Amino acid sequence: MQNKRQSQVGELIKRNFSLVLQEEGSYIYKNALVTVTRVLMSPDLKYAKIYLSVYNRDDKAMVIQELNQEKSRLKNGLGTRIRKHVRRIPEIDFFLDDTLDEMSRLNELFDELKKED
């Protein structure tokens, strides 16, 4: 359970990191749509877990790997945007959020069950 400050900083990072991805993302990955779904902060606000959804690519883990290779560049872009709002720019880690993929898979299974009935 995150406290109020963790939620506020997480939302700040979520909004600003999505802008960084709009600017820098096309240089890092090709033909993919990447969205920031959620950001979880550590209690001391030193670490941020950024969950990303990837569309239009079959190799979603490869996109996360490409982002990890450019982590310092992305962190610098994020730092220039949020430096006036936080004392310390957090370390960032990227994780694949496959919630929407699972939801569509379950919807397909339910549709198949309805067809059988």
Protein backbone atom coordinates (compact mmCIF):
# COMPACT_ATOMS: atom_id res chain seq x y z
CA MET A 1 0.00 0.00 0.00
CA GLN A 2 1.46 3.31 -1.06
CA ASN A 3 1.08 6.43 1.02
CA LYS A 4 -0.07 9.76 -0.37
CA ARG A 5 3.39 11.10 -1.20
CA GLN A 6 4.39 7.90 -3.01
CA SER A 7 1.22 8.10 -5.09
CA GLN A 8 1.81 11.76 -5.92
CA VAL A 9 5.40 11.22 -7.02
CA GLY A 10 4.39 8.09 -8.92
CA GLU A 11 1.73 10.02 -10.83
CA LEU A 12 4.21 12.82 -11.54
CA ILE A 13 6.70 10.33 -12.95
CA LYS A 14 3.99 8.56 -14.94
CA ARG A 15 2.87 11.77 -16.69
CA ASN A 16 6.36 13.06 -17.36
CA PHE A 17 7.88 9.73 -18.40
CA SER A 18 5.12 9.28 -20.97
CA LEU A 19 6.21 12.62 -22.46
CA VAL A 20 9.83 11.45 -22.47
CA LEU A 21 8.76 8.31 -24.34
CA GLN A 22 6.93 10.42 -26.91
CA GLU A 23 10.09 12.42 -27.56
CA GLU A 24 12.79 9.76 -27.23
CA GLY A 25 10.93 6.51 -27.86
CA SER A 26 11.06 6.55 -31.64
CA TYR A 27 14.87 6.58 -31.47
CA ILE A 28 14.97 3.55 -29.17
CA TYR A 29 12.34 1.15 -30.51
CA LYS A 30 10.74 0.83 -33.93
CA ASN A 31 7.08 0.22 -34.85
CA ALA A 32 5.81 -0.12 -31.30
CA LEU A 33 3.32 1.77 -29.21
CA VAL A 34 4.47 1.95 -25.60
CA THR A 35 2.28 3.35 -22.83
CA VAL A 36 3.01 3.87 -19.15
CA THR A 37 0.31 2.03 -17.21
CA ARG A 38 1.50 2.52 -13.64
CA VAL A 39 4.43 3.63 -11.51
CA LEU A 40 5.16 2.21 -8.07
CA MET A 41 7.52 4.09 -5.78
CA SER A 42 9.63 2.74 -2.95
CA PRO A 43 8.86 4.17 0.52
CA ASP A 44 12.01 6.34 0.44
CA LEU A 45 11.20 7.57 -3.12
CA LYS A 46 14.61 6.42 -4.41
CA TYR A 47 13.31 3.72 -6.77
CA ALA A 48 10.51 3.73 -9.31
CA LYS A 49 9.06 0.64 -10.96
CA ILE A 50 7.60 1.74 -14.28
CA TYR A 51 5.10 -0.67 -15.81
CA LEU A 52 4.72 -0.42 -19.59
CA SER A 53 2.26 -1.87 -22.08
CA VAL A 54 3.61 -2.61 -25.55
CA TYR A 55 1.43 -2.81 -28.65
CA ASN A 56 2.09 -3.59 -32.34
CA ARG A 57 5.02 -5.88 -31.54
CA ASP A 58 5.18 -9.60 -30.94
CA ASP A 59 8.50 -9.43 -29.08
CA LYS A 60 7.41 -7.23 -26.19
CA ALA A 61 10.27 -8.27 -23.94
CA MET A 62 12.70 -7.02 -26.59
CA VAL A 63 11.21 -3.51 -26.34
CA ILE A 64 11.72 -3.56 -22.55
CA GLN A 65 15.29 -4.72 -23.11
CA GLU A 66 15.90 -1.87 -25.58
CA LEU A 67 14.54 0.60 -23.04
CA ASN A 68 16.84 -0.84 -20.36
CA GLN A 69 19.83 -0.29 -22.64
CA GLU A 70 18.89 3.40 -22.90
CA LYS A 71 17.99 3.77 -19.22
CA SER A 72 20.47 6.56 -18.47
CA ARG A 73 19.24 8.63 -21.42
CA LEU A 74 15.62 8.17 -20.37
CA LYS A 75 16.43 8.96 -16.74
CA ASN A 76 18.15 12.19 -17.80
CA GLY A 77 15.09 13.17 -19.84
CA LEU A 78 12.87 12.44 -16.88
CA GLY A 79 15.21 14.32 -14.54
CA THR A 80 15.05 17.51 -16.57
CA ARG A 81 11.26 17.43 -16.33
CA ILE A 82 10.80 16.65 -12.62
CA ARG A 83 13.88 18.14 -10.97
CA LYS A 84 11.95 21.10 -9.56
CA HIS A 85 9.35 18.82 -7.99
CA VAL A 86 11.48 16.20 -6.23
CA ARG A 87 14.69 16.31 -4.22
CA ARG A 88 16.25 13.24 -5.76
CA ILE A 89 15.66 11.72 -9.19
CA PRO A 90 14.74 8.07 -8.53
CA GLU A 91 16.40 5.07 -10.10
CA ILE A 92 14.03 3.59 -12.66
CA ASP A 93 13.30 0.00 -13.64
CA PHE A 94 11.02 -1.11 -16.45
CA PHE A 95 8.52 -3.95 -16.24
CA LEU A 96 6.14 -5.34 -18.83
CA ASP A 97 2.48 -4.92 -17.92
CA ASP A 98 0.54 -7.62 -19.71
CA THR A 99 -2.79 -6.96 -18.01
CA LEU A 100 -4.51 -5.88 -21.23
CA ASP A 101 -3.14 -8.90 -23.11
CA GLU A 102 -4.53 -11.21 -20.43
CA MET A 103 -7.86 -9.39 -20.50
CA SER A 104 -8.20 -9.80 -24.28
CA ARG A 105 -7.21 -13.48 -24.01
CA LEU A 106 -9.89 -14.05 -21.37
CA ASN A 107 -12.48 -12.23 -23.49
CA GLU A 108 -11.65 -14.54 -26.40
CA LEU A 109 -12.07 -17.58 -24.14
CA PHE A 110 -15.45 -16.30 -22.91
CA ASP A 111 -16.56 -15.65 -26.47
CA GLU A 112 -15.64 -19.22 -27.41
CA LEU A 113 -17.63 -20.54 -24.44
CA LYS A 114 -20.67 -18.49 -25.50
CA LYS A 115 -20.42 -19.89 -29.04
CA GLU A 116 -20.37 -23.45 -27.72
CA ASP A 117 -23.57 -22.89 -25.74
